[in-house]
Amino acid sequence: ERKFLLTSFPEGLTVTEESTVYQYFLSVEPYVRIREKQKNGRSSYKLTIKGSGALSREEVELDLDADKFSRLKALCGKKPVEKIFKAYRLPDGHTLECSLVDRDFYYAEVEFESESEAAAFVPTFDFLRETTYEKNFKMNEYWKVTRLEGDKFQT
């Protein structure tokens, strides 16, 4: 995936999905996260474990029921990261996944089938800068800085 810092949600693109997401981290290293996704009045829950890496990394997702999610959430002891999420269809067929994080900053991700496809991708949307290779610009780092250390995240 490639990541980008934005100034706002993009204009002129077709929205394909909208939801609100609440994320909690059980561990920042390794990356172990639980997430509640609210869409159309319904909630779904996932446990995600991610490996290390920037452009590509292993990711395992498991569905959770509401009870397991609630029990795991209680272990976190911190308020969730809230994301207003919107997905857009790009002219080349890729999906641009955008989030407003804690009503503080916007970022986007585009996922690819291969590293060569990711390298060939030319963004057709406005962005401030690419953050794919910025080690500190990952949600587990955001959680660490804002929730565990109580500091302001530097974008």
C-alpha atoms as a PDB file:
ATOM      1  CA  GLU A   1       0.000   0.000   0.000  1.00  0.00           C
ATOM      2  CA  ARG A   2       0.994   3.597  -0.496  1.00  0.00           C
ATOM      3  CA  LYS A   3      -0.025   6.293   1.993  1.00  0.00           C
ATOM      4  CA  PHE A   4      -0.631  10.019   1.560  1.00  0.00           C
ATOM      5  CA  LEU A   5      -1.304  12.963   3.852  1.00  0.00           C
ATOM      6  CA  LEU A   6      -4.282  15.024   2.616  1.00  0.00           C
ATOM      7  CA  THR A   7      -5.765  18.434   3.413  1.00  0.00           C
ATOM      8  CA  SER A   8      -9.379  17.177   3.201  1.00  0.00           C
ATOM      9  CA  PHE A   9     -11.525  14.497   1.666  1.00  0.00           C
ATOM     10  CA  PRO A  10     -11.083  14.611  -2.116  1.00  0.00           C
ATOM     11  CA  GLU A  11     -13.631  16.300  -4.349  1.00  0.00           C
ATOM     12  CA  GLY A  12     -14.841  15.133  -7.740  1.00  0.00           C
ATOM     13  CA  LEU A  13     -14.465  11.404  -7.061  1.00  0.00           C
ATOM     14  CA  THR A  14     -17.256   8.868  -6.602  1.00  0.00           C
ATOM     15  CA  VAL A  15     -17.725   7.753  -2.992  1.00  0.00           C
ATOM     16  CA  THR A  16     -18.123   3.964  -2.854  1.00  0.00           C
ATOM     17  CA  GLU A  17     -18.276   3.504   0.926  1.00  0.00           C
ATOM     18  CA  GLU A  18     -18.691   5.589   4.094  1.00  0.00           C
ATOM     19  CA  SER A  19     -18.387   4.496   7.709  1.00  0.00           C
ATOM     20  CA  THR A  20     -17.109   5.425  11.142  1.00  0.00           C
ATOM     21  CA  VAL A  21     -14.295   3.313  12.538  1.00  0.00           C
ATOM     22  CA  TYR A  22     -13.094   2.988  16.142  1.00  0.00           C
ATOM     23  CA  GLN A  23      -9.653   1.444  16.630  1.00  0.00           C
ATOM     24  CA  TYR A  24      -7.895   0.201  19.762  1.00  0.00           C
ATOM     25  CA  PHE A  25      -4.420  -1.283  20.018  1.00  0.00           C
ATOM     26  CA  LEU A  26      -3.641  -4.275  22.177  1.00  0.00           C
ATOM     27  CA  SER A  27       0.014  -3.938  21.165  1.00  0.00           C
ATOM     28  CA  VAL A  28       1.950  -1.432  19.073  1.00  0.00           C
ATOM     29  CA  GLU A  29       4.950  -3.738  18.568  1.00  0.00           C
ATOM     30  CA  PRO A  30       3.910  -6.122  17.196  1.00  0.00           C
ATOM     31  CA  TYR A  31       0.933  -4.361  15.636  1.00  0.00           C
ATOM     32  CA  VAL A  32      -2.237  -5.903  17.130  1.00  0.00           C
ATOM     33  CA  ARG A  33      -5.416  -3.892  16.687  1.00  0.00           C
ATOM     34  CA  ILE A  34      -9.146  -4.340  17.173  1.00  0.00           C
ATOM     35  CA  ARG A  35     -11.641  -2.295  15.211  1.00  0.00           C
ATOM     36  CA  GLU A  36     -15.351  -1.542  15.238  1.00  0.00           C
ATOM     37  CA  LYS A  37     -16.774  -0.382  11.919  1.00  0.00           C
ATOM     38  CA  GLN A  38     -20.179   1.319  11.987  1.00  0.00           C
ATOM     39  CA  LYS A  39     -21.970   1.451   8.663  1.00  0.00           C
ATOM     40  CA  ASN A  40     -25.681   1.904   7.955  1.00  0.00           C
ATOM     41  CA  GLY A  41     -26.592   1.471  11.621  1.00  0.00           C
ATOM     42  CA  ARG A  42     -24.711  -1.831  11.988  1.00  0.00           C
ATOM     43  CA  SER A  43     -21.372  -2.686  13.569  1.00  0.00           C
ATOM     44  CA  SER A  44     -18.766  -5.227  12.512  1.00  0.00           C
ATOM     45  CA  TYR A  45     -15.628  -6.130  14.460  1.00  0.00           C
ATOM     46  CA  LYS A  46     -12.133  -7.257  13.447  1.00  0.00           C
ATOM     47  CA  LEU A  47      -8.857  -8.239  15.029  1.00  0.00           C
ATOM     48  CA  THR A  48      -5.865  -7.300  12.853  1.00  0.00           C
ATOM     49  CA  ILE A  49      -2.230  -8.310  13.212  1.00  0.00           C
ATOM     50  CA  LYS A  50       0.313  -6.651  10.914  1.00  0.00           C
ATOM     51  CA  GLY A  51       3.928  -7.484  10.247  1.00  0.00           C
ATOM     52  CA  SER A  52       6.701  -4.961   9.731  1.00  0.00           C
ATOM     53  CA  GLY A  53       7.312  -3.171   6.458  1.00  0.00           C
ATOM     54  CA  ALA A  54       6.344  -0.068   4.538  1.00  0.00           C
ATOM     55  CA  LEU A  55       5.229  -0.668   0.964  1.00  0.00           C
ATOM     56  CA  SER A  56       4.261  -4.274   1.669  1.00  0.00           C
ATOM     57  CA  ARG A  57       3.753  -6.303   4.819  1.00  0.00           C
ATOM     58  CA  GLU A  58       1.874  -9.339   6.048  1.00  0.00           C
ATOM     59  CA  GLU A  59      -1.583  -8.653   7.471  1.00  0.00           C
ATOM     60  CA  VAL A  60      -3.947 -11.144   9.119  1.00  0.00           C
ATOM     61  CA  GLU A  61      -7.559 -10.161   9.897  1.00  0.00           C
ATOM     62  CA  LEU A  62     -10.047 -12.166  11.923  1.00  0.00           C
ATOM     63  CA  ASP A  63     -13.726 -11.430  12.471  1.00  0.00           C
ATOM     64  CA  LEU A  64     -14.844 -10.905  16.061  1.00  0.00           C
ATOM     65  CA  ASP A  65     -18.292 -11.040  17.609  1.00  0.00           C
ATOM     66  CA  ALA A  66     -19.525  -8.163  19.793  1.00  0.00           C
ATOM     67  CA  ASP A  67     -18.735  -9.972  23.060  1.00  0.00           C
ATOM     68  CA  LYS A  68     -15.115 -10.776  22.156  1.00  0.00           C
ATOM     69  CA  PHE A  69     -14.616  -7.246  20.846  1.00  0.00           C
ATOM     70  CA  SER A  70     -15.993  -5.771  24.080  1.00  0.00           C
ATOM     71  CA  ARG A  71     -13.742  -7.963  26.214  1.00  0.00           C
ATOM     72  CA  LEU A  72     -10.643  -7.062  24.188  1.00  0.00           C
ATOM     73  CA  LYS A  73     -11.571  -3.368  24.174  1.00  0.00           C
ATOM     74  CA  ALA A  74     -11.666  -3.418  27.981  1.00  0.00           C
ATOM     75  CA  LEU A  75      -8.013  -4.507  27.995  1.00  0.00           C
ATOM     76  CA  CYS A  76      -6.936  -1.340  26.151  1.00  0.00           C
ATOM     77  CA  GLY A  77      -7.966   1.195  28.772  1.00  0.00           C
ATOM     78  CA  LYS A  78      -7.707   4.126  26.352  1.00  0.00           C
ATOM     79  CA  LYS A  79     -10.167   6.020  24.200  1.00  0.00           C
ATOM     80  CA  PRO A  80     -10.322   4.771  20.621  1.00  0.00           C
ATOM     81  CA  VAL A  81      -8.870   6.352  17.530  1.00  0.00           C
ATOM     82  CA  GLU A  82     -11.944   7.604  15.669  1.00  0.00           C
ATOM     83  CA  LYS A  83     -11.857   7.631  11.891  1.00  0.00           C
ATOM     84  CA  ILE A  84     -14.422   9.083   9.546  1.00  0.00           C
ATOM     85  CA  PHE A  85     -13.792   6.787   6.572  1.00  0.00           C
ATOM     86  CA  LYS A  86     -14.633   7.269   2.895  1.00  0.00           C
ATOM     87  CA  ALA A  87     -13.580   5.129  -0.046  1.00  0.00           C
ATOM     88  CA  TYR A  88     -13.449   6.491  -3.587  1.00  0.00           C
ATOM     89  CA  ARG A  89     -13.080   4.881  -6.996  1.00  0.00           C
ATOM     90  CA  LEU A  90     -10.064   6.303  -8.859  1.00  0.00           C
ATOM     91  CA  PRO A  91     -10.148   6.660 -12.666  1.00  0.00           C
ATOM     92  CA  ASP A  92      -7.617   3.795 -13.028  1.00  0.00           C
ATOM     93  CA  GLY A  93      -9.871   1.429 -11.047  1.00  0.00           C
ATOM     94  CA  HIS A  94      -7.954   1.507  -7.755  1.00  0.00           C
ATOM     95  CA  THR A  95      -9.697   2.418  -4.514  1.00  0.00           C
ATOM     96  CA  LEU A  96      -8.593   5.477  -2.546  1.00  0.00           C
ATOM     97  CA  GLU A  97      -9.334   4.864   1.150  1.00  0.00           C
ATOM     98  CA  CYS A  98      -9.447   8.169   3.073  1.00  0.00           C
ATOM     99  CA  SER A  99      -9.784   8.831   6.774  1.00  0.00           C
ATOM    100  CA  LEU A 100     -10.229  11.852   8.982  1.00  0.00           C
ATOM    101  CA  VAL A 101      -8.402  10.737  12.138  1.00  0.00           C
ATOM    102  CA  ASP A 102      -9.675  12.066  15.480  1.00  0.00           C
ATOM    103  CA  ARG A 103     -10.987  15.107  13.583  1.00  0.00           C
ATOM    104  CA  ASP A 104      -7.331  16.164  13.421  1.00  0.00           C
ATOM    105  CA  PHE A 105      -5.787  15.127  10.079  1.00  0.00           C
ATOM    106  CA  TYR A 106      -6.636  13.385   6.813  1.00  0.00           C
ATOM    107  CA  TYR A 107      -4.722  10.559   5.218  1.00  0.00           C
ATOM    108  CA  ALA A 108      -5.289   8.134   2.373  1.00  0.00           C
ATOM    109  CA  GLU A 109      -4.147   4.677   1.326  1.00  0.00           C
ATOM    110  CA  VAL A 110      -4.168   2.869  -1.996  1.00  0.00           C
ATOM    111  CA  GLU A 111      -3.625  -0.912  -1.961  1.00  0.00           C
ATOM    112  CA  PHE A 112      -1.989  -2.875  -4.774  1.00  0.00           C
ATOM    113  CA  GLU A 113      -1.541  -6.475  -5.894  1.00  0.00           C
ATOM    114  CA  SER A 114       2.259  -6.153  -6.183  1.00  0.00           C
ATOM    115  CA  GLU A 115       5.152  -3.859  -5.328  1.00  0.00           C
ATOM    116  CA  SER A 116       5.740  -3.182  -9.041  1.00  0.00           C
ATOM    117  CA  GLU A 117       2.113  -2.063  -9.437  1.00  0.00           C
ATOM    118  CA  ALA A 118       2.520   0.203  -6.403  1.00  0.00           C
ATOM    119  CA  ALA A 119       5.748   1.681  -7.799  1.00  0.00           C
ATOM    120  CA  ALA A 120       4.088   2.420 -11.158  1.00  0.00           C
ATOM    121  CA  PHE A 121       1.096   4.168  -9.576  1.00  0.00           C
ATOM    122  CA  VAL A 122       0.800   7.891 -10.311  1.00  0.00           C
ATOM    123  CA  PRO A 123      -1.624   9.671  -7.944  1.00  0.00           C
ATOM    124  CA  THR A 124      -4.435  11.570  -9.676  1.00  0.00           C
ATOM    125  CA  PHE A 125      -5.632  13.275  -6.494  1.00  0.00           C
ATOM    126  CA  ASP A 126      -4.300  16.218  -4.487  1.00  0.00           C
ATOM    127  CA  PHE A 127      -2.113  15.422  -1.478  1.00  0.00           C
ATOM    128  CA  LEU A 128       0.367  17.195   0.794  1.00  0.00           C
ATOM    129  CA  ARG A 129       3.020  14.491   0.770  1.00  0.00           C
ATOM    130  CA  GLU A 130       3.476  10.769   0.474  1.00  0.00           C
ATOM    131  CA  THR A 131       4.038   9.047   3.822  1.00  0.00           C
ATOM    132  CA  THR A 132       4.505   5.426   2.685  1.00  0.00           C
ATOM    133  CA  TYR A 133       8.086   5.225   3.907  1.00  0.00           C
ATOM    134  CA  GLU A 134       7.717   7.417   6.998  1.00  0.00           C
ATOM    135  CA  LYS A 135       8.150   4.948   9.846  1.00  0.00           C
ATOM    136  CA  ASN A 136       6.391   7.244  12.307  1.00  0.00           C
ATOM    137  CA  PHE A 137       3.323   7.672  10.114  1.00  0.00           C
ATOM    138  CA  LYS A 138       1.444   4.483  10.999  1.00  0.00           C
ATOM    139  CA  MET A 139      -1.612   4.063  13.188  1.00  0.00           C
ATOM    140  CA  ASN A 140       0.275   2.007  15.786  1.00  0.00           C
ATOM    141  CA  GLU A 141       2.738   4.906  16.118  1.00  0.00           C
ATOM    142  CA  TYR A 142      -0.194   7.353  16.295  1.00  0.00           C
ATOM    143  CA  TRP A 143      -1.685   5.276  19.147  1.00  0.00           C
ATOM    144  CA  LYS A 144       1.658   5.183  20.948  1.00  0.00           C
ATOM    145  CA  VAL A 145       2.180   8.957  20.723  1.00  0.00           C
ATOM    146  CA  THR A 146      -1.387  10.120  21.397  1.00  0.00           C
ATOM    147  CA  ARG A 147      -2.738   7.438  23.733  1.00  0.00           C
ATOM    148  CA  LEU A 148       0.232   5.944  25.559  1.00  0.00           C
ATOM    149  CA  GLU A 149       2.495   9.019  25.764  1.00  0.00           C
ATOM    150  CA  GLY A 150      -0.274  11.670  25.726  1.00  0.00           C
ATOM    151  CA  ASP A 151       1.514  13.818  23.138  1.00  0.00           C
ATOM    152  CA  LYS A 152       0.402  15.569  19.960  1.00  0.00           C
ATOM    153  CA  PHE A 153       1.009  13.626  16.756  1.00  0.00           C
ATOM    154  CA  GLN A 154       3.178  15.523  14.291  1.00  0.00           C
ATOM    155  CA  THR A 155       1.947  15.345  10.717  1.00  0.00           C
END
